[in-house]
Amino acid sequence: LTNCEGDRQRFLAMRPDLAVVANGAEFDPPADPPPVPAALAALPRPVIGYVGNMRDRVDWDLVAEIAMARPDWSIPMIGPLDKPEAADAMEAHDNVHLLGPMEYETMRACLRHFDVAILPHRVDAMTDAMNPLKVYNYLAAERPVVATDVANMDDVRDFIAVAADPEAFVAAIEHALAGEAPAPPP
């Protein structure tokens, strides 16, 4: 089994019987969101958040562009970071908060308090071979989602905003903050 067509194609010669089972998410939002976790409590609103492993897939230049374009937005990023140079670069932006890994329930509570959830991933061979689980988690937490145009999201494209460049990404976040539905896919 694999979670996306890109991986299936990559391994097809070794395993012709490989099947794709797309990601899913735990959906049981409480009637009322849980209390705001301490990690987010002091951050000014709006909160534009990311949850996930912050490896080579994150487009740090895009995160920096968003931070510079809207210094009044808080951008918490939750998860492990294995690139010290990215952490150093983000220190230049007072509104980017690298919060590190969290326990699962704390992370889920944080998600429920994001005003907009983001997927600022690079579009490259690595992201072509993944199905971003975090998008499913964002949607299960009933958060508006803005993403770069990574592959393997056909099942959710109607429910998220996709942006091709930093200006479009910021504009899509602004639309989501205003409560506007994502634009239909092209």
Protein backbone atom coordinates (compact mmCIF):
# COMPACT_ATOMS: atom_id res chain seq x y z
CA LEU A 1 0.00 0.00 0.00
CA THR A 2 0.98 3.60 -0.55
CA ASN A 3 -0.84 6.88 0.00
CA CYS A 4 -0.44 8.53 -3.40
CA GLU A 5 -0.18 7.82 -7.11
CA GLY A 6 3.33 9.32 -7.31
CA ASP A 7 4.69 6.68 -4.94
CA ARG A 8 2.72 3.93 -6.68
CA GLN A 9 4.31 4.86 -10.00
CA ARG A 10 7.77 5.03 -8.43
CA PHE A 11 7.52 1.52 -6.96
CA LEU A 12 5.42 -0.11 -9.69
CA ALA A 13 8.36 -1.99 -11.24
CA MET A 14 9.10 -3.63 -7.87
CA ARG A 15 5.48 -4.23 -6.82
CA PRO A 16 2.90 -4.26 -9.64
CA ASP A 17 0.19 -5.07 -7.07
CA LEU A 18 0.74 -1.83 -5.13
CA ALA A 19 -2.54 -0.10 -4.24
CA VAL A 20 -3.20 3.53 -3.32
CA VAL A 21 -5.06 4.26 -0.11
CA ALA A 22 -5.26 8.01 0.38
CA ASN A 23 -4.78 9.62 3.76
CA GLY A 24 -7.65 10.39 6.08
CA ALA A 25 -8.05 12.10 9.44
CA GLU A 26 -9.68 11.66 12.79
CA PHE A 27 -12.92 13.63 12.70
CA ASP A 28 -14.61 14.15 16.01
CA PRO A 29 -14.63 17.88 16.63
CA PRO A 30 -16.21 18.69 19.96
CA ALA A 31 -19.27 20.95 20.03
CA ASP A 32 -17.03 23.63 21.50
CA PRO A 33 -13.32 23.90 20.74
CA PRO A 34 -10.99 22.87 23.54
CA PRO A 35 -9.35 25.66 25.54
CA VAL A 36 -6.62 27.56 23.71
CA PRO A 37 -3.34 25.74 24.38
CA ALA A 38 -0.66 27.73 26.19
CA ALA A 39 1.52 27.67 23.06
CA LEU A 40 -1.05 29.82 21.23
CA ALA A 41 -2.66 31.76 24.08
CA ALA A 42 -0.31 34.75 23.97
CA LEU A 43 -0.16 35.05 20.18
CA PRO A 44 -2.02 37.98 18.60
CA ARG A 45 -4.76 37.09 16.14
CA PRO A 46 -5.12 36.16 13.42
CA VAL A 47 -3.27 32.87 13.82
CA ILE A 48 -2.09 31.39 10.53
CA GLY A 49 -0.78 27.95 11.49
CA TYR A 50 1.14 24.98 10.19
CA VAL A 51 1.48 21.50 11.68
CA GLY A 52 3.87 18.89 10.36
CA ASN A 53 7.41 17.74 9.93
CA MET A 54 9.40 20.73 8.77
CA ARG A 55 11.89 19.17 6.46
CA ASP A 56 12.88 20.03 2.90
CA ARG A 57 9.22 20.12 1.88
CA VAL A 58 8.59 23.51 3.56
CA ASP A 59 9.05 26.54 1.32
CA TRP A 60 10.81 28.77 3.86
CA ASP A 61 11.04 31.64 1.36
CA LEU A 62 7.24 31.58 1.09
CA VAL A 63 6.86 31.59 4.89
CA ALA A 64 9.22 34.59 5.06
CA GLU A 65 7.25 36.41 2.34
CA ILE A 66 3.99 35.86 4.24
CA ALA A 67 5.60 37.02 7.49
CA MET A 68 6.94 40.19 5.85
CA ALA A 69 3.72 40.94 3.98
CA ARG A 70 1.58 40.68 7.12
CA PRO A 71 3.68 41.31 10.25
CA ASP A 72 0.45 41.56 12.28
CA TRP A 73 -0.35 37.87 11.61
CA SER A 74 0.96 35.22 14.02
CA ILE A 75 2.43 32.24 12.20
CA PRO A 76 2.94 29.31 14.58
CA MET A 77 4.65 26.29 13.07
CA ILE A 78 4.26 23.09 15.05
CA GLY A 79 6.42 20.02 14.54
CA PRO A 80 10.00 18.86 14.36
CA LEU A 81 12.48 20.98 12.43
CA ASP A 82 15.67 19.37 11.14
CA LYS A 83 17.07 22.43 9.36
CA PRO A 84 18.85 24.79 11.77
CA GLU A 85 19.40 27.28 8.95
CA ALA A 86 15.61 27.55 8.51
CA ALA A 87 15.21 28.28 12.22
CA ASP A 88 17.93 30.93 11.97
CA ALA A 89 16.22 32.53 8.97
CA MET A 90 12.83 32.58 10.73
CA GLU A 91 14.32 34.40 13.74
CA ALA A 92 14.30 37.55 11.58
CA HIS A 93 10.48 37.46 11.68
CA ASP A 94 8.92 38.25 15.05
CA ASN A 95 5.60 36.85 13.91
CA VAL A 96 6.91 33.35 13.02
CA HIS A 97 6.86 31.03 16.03
CA LEU A 98 8.65 27.67 15.71
CA LEU A 99 6.89 25.76 18.50
CA GLY A 100 8.50 22.34 18.01
CA PRO A 101 6.81 18.96 18.38
CA MET A 102 3.75 18.60 20.61
CA GLU A 103 1.71 15.78 22.04
CA TYR A 104 -1.05 14.69 19.69
CA GLU A 105 -3.98 16.07 21.71
CA THR A 106 -2.23 19.43 22.23
CA MET A 107 -1.53 19.65 18.50
CA ARG A 108 -5.18 18.88 17.72
CA ALA A 109 -6.30 21.58 20.16
CA CYS A 110 -3.94 24.06 18.49
CA LEU A 111 -5.40 23.20 15.08
CA ARG A 112 -8.87 24.05 16.32
CA HIS A 113 -7.64 27.54 17.21
CA PHE A 114 -5.93 28.39 13.93
CA ASP A 115 -7.81 31.07 12.01
CA VAL A 116 -6.33 29.64 8.81
CA ALA A 117 -4.22 26.50 8.36
CA ILE A 118 -1.48 26.57 5.75
CA LEU A 119 0.52 24.14 3.64
CA PRO A 120 3.50 26.21 2.41
CA HIS A 121 5.22 23.30 0.67
CA ARG A 122 7.64 23.40 -2.20
CA VAL A 123 6.35 22.00 -5.47
CA ASP A 124 9.00 19.48 -6.50
CA ALA A 125 9.72 15.78 -6.97
CA MET A 126 9.55 15.13 -3.22
CA THR A 127 6.12 16.72 -2.77
CA ASP A 128 4.93 15.01 -5.97
CA ALA A 129 5.46 11.72 -4.11
CA MET A 130 3.46 12.56 -0.99
CA ASN A 131 -0.13 12.96 0.07
CA PRO A 132 -0.08 15.69 2.76
CA LEU A 133 -1.81 14.22 5.81
CA LYS A 134 -1.93 17.62 7.49
CA VAL A 135 -4.50 18.88 4.95
CA TYR A 136 -6.90 16.15 6.03
CA ASN A 137 -6.25 17.03 9.69
CA TYR A 138 -6.87 20.71 8.95
CA LEU A 139 -10.17 19.93 7.23
CA ALA A 140 -11.23 17.53 10.00
CA ALA A 141 -10.62 20.39 12.47
CA GLU A 142 -12.90 22.52 10.28
CA ARG A 143 -10.19 25.07 9.48
CA PRO A 144 -9.92 26.97 6.20
CA VAL A 145 -6.85 25.79 4.30
CA VAL A 146 -4.47 27.60 1.96
CA ALA A 147 -1.88 25.45 0.16
CA THR A 148 0.68 25.58 -2.56
CA ASP A 149 -0.18 23.52 -5.63
CA VAL A 150 1.32 20.23 -4.50
CA ALA A 151 0.32 16.97 -6.13
CA ASN A 152 -2.03 14.27 -4.86
CA MET A 153 -4.71 16.50 -3.36
CA ASP A 154 -7.41 15.91 -5.97
CA ASP A 155 -9.86 14.58 -3.37
CA VAL A 156 -9.73 17.81 -1.34
CA ARG A 157 -9.07 20.56 -3.91
CA ASP A 158 -12.68 21.72 -3.83
CA PHE A 159 -12.35 22.44 -0.10
CA ILE A 160 -9.04 24.33 -0.02
CA ALA A 161 -7.55 27.43 -1.60
CA VAL A 162 -4.50 26.82 -3.79
CA ALA A 163 -2.02 29.62 -4.43
CA ALA A 164 0.80 29.73 -6.96
CA ASP A 165 2.94 32.55 -5.55
CA PRO A 166 3.43 34.55 -2.33
CA GLU A 167 1.01 37.33 -3.31
CA ALA A 168 -1.73 34.83 -4.17
CA PHE A 169 -1.02 32.92 -0.95
CA VAL A 170 -1.45 36.07 1.17
CA ALA A 171 -4.61 37.01 -0.77
CA ALA A 172 -6.05 33.51 -0.25
CA ILE A 173 -5.38 33.76 3.49
CA GLU A 174 -7.11 37.15 3.55
CA HIS A 175 -10.13 35.65 1.74
CA ALA A 176 -10.24 32.79 4.25
CA LEU A 177 -10.03 35.25 7.16
CA ALA A 178 -12.98 37.11 5.64
CA GLY A 179 -14.96 33.86 5.61
CA GLU A 180 -14.95 33.54 1.84
CA ALA A 181 -15.02 30.06 0.32
CA PRO A 182 -11.96 28.95 -1.64
CA ALA A 183 -12.01 29.71 -5.34
CA PRO A 184 -13.00 26.73 -7.47
CA PRO A 185 -10.03 24.86 -8.94
CA PRO A 186 -8.98 25.92 -12.46
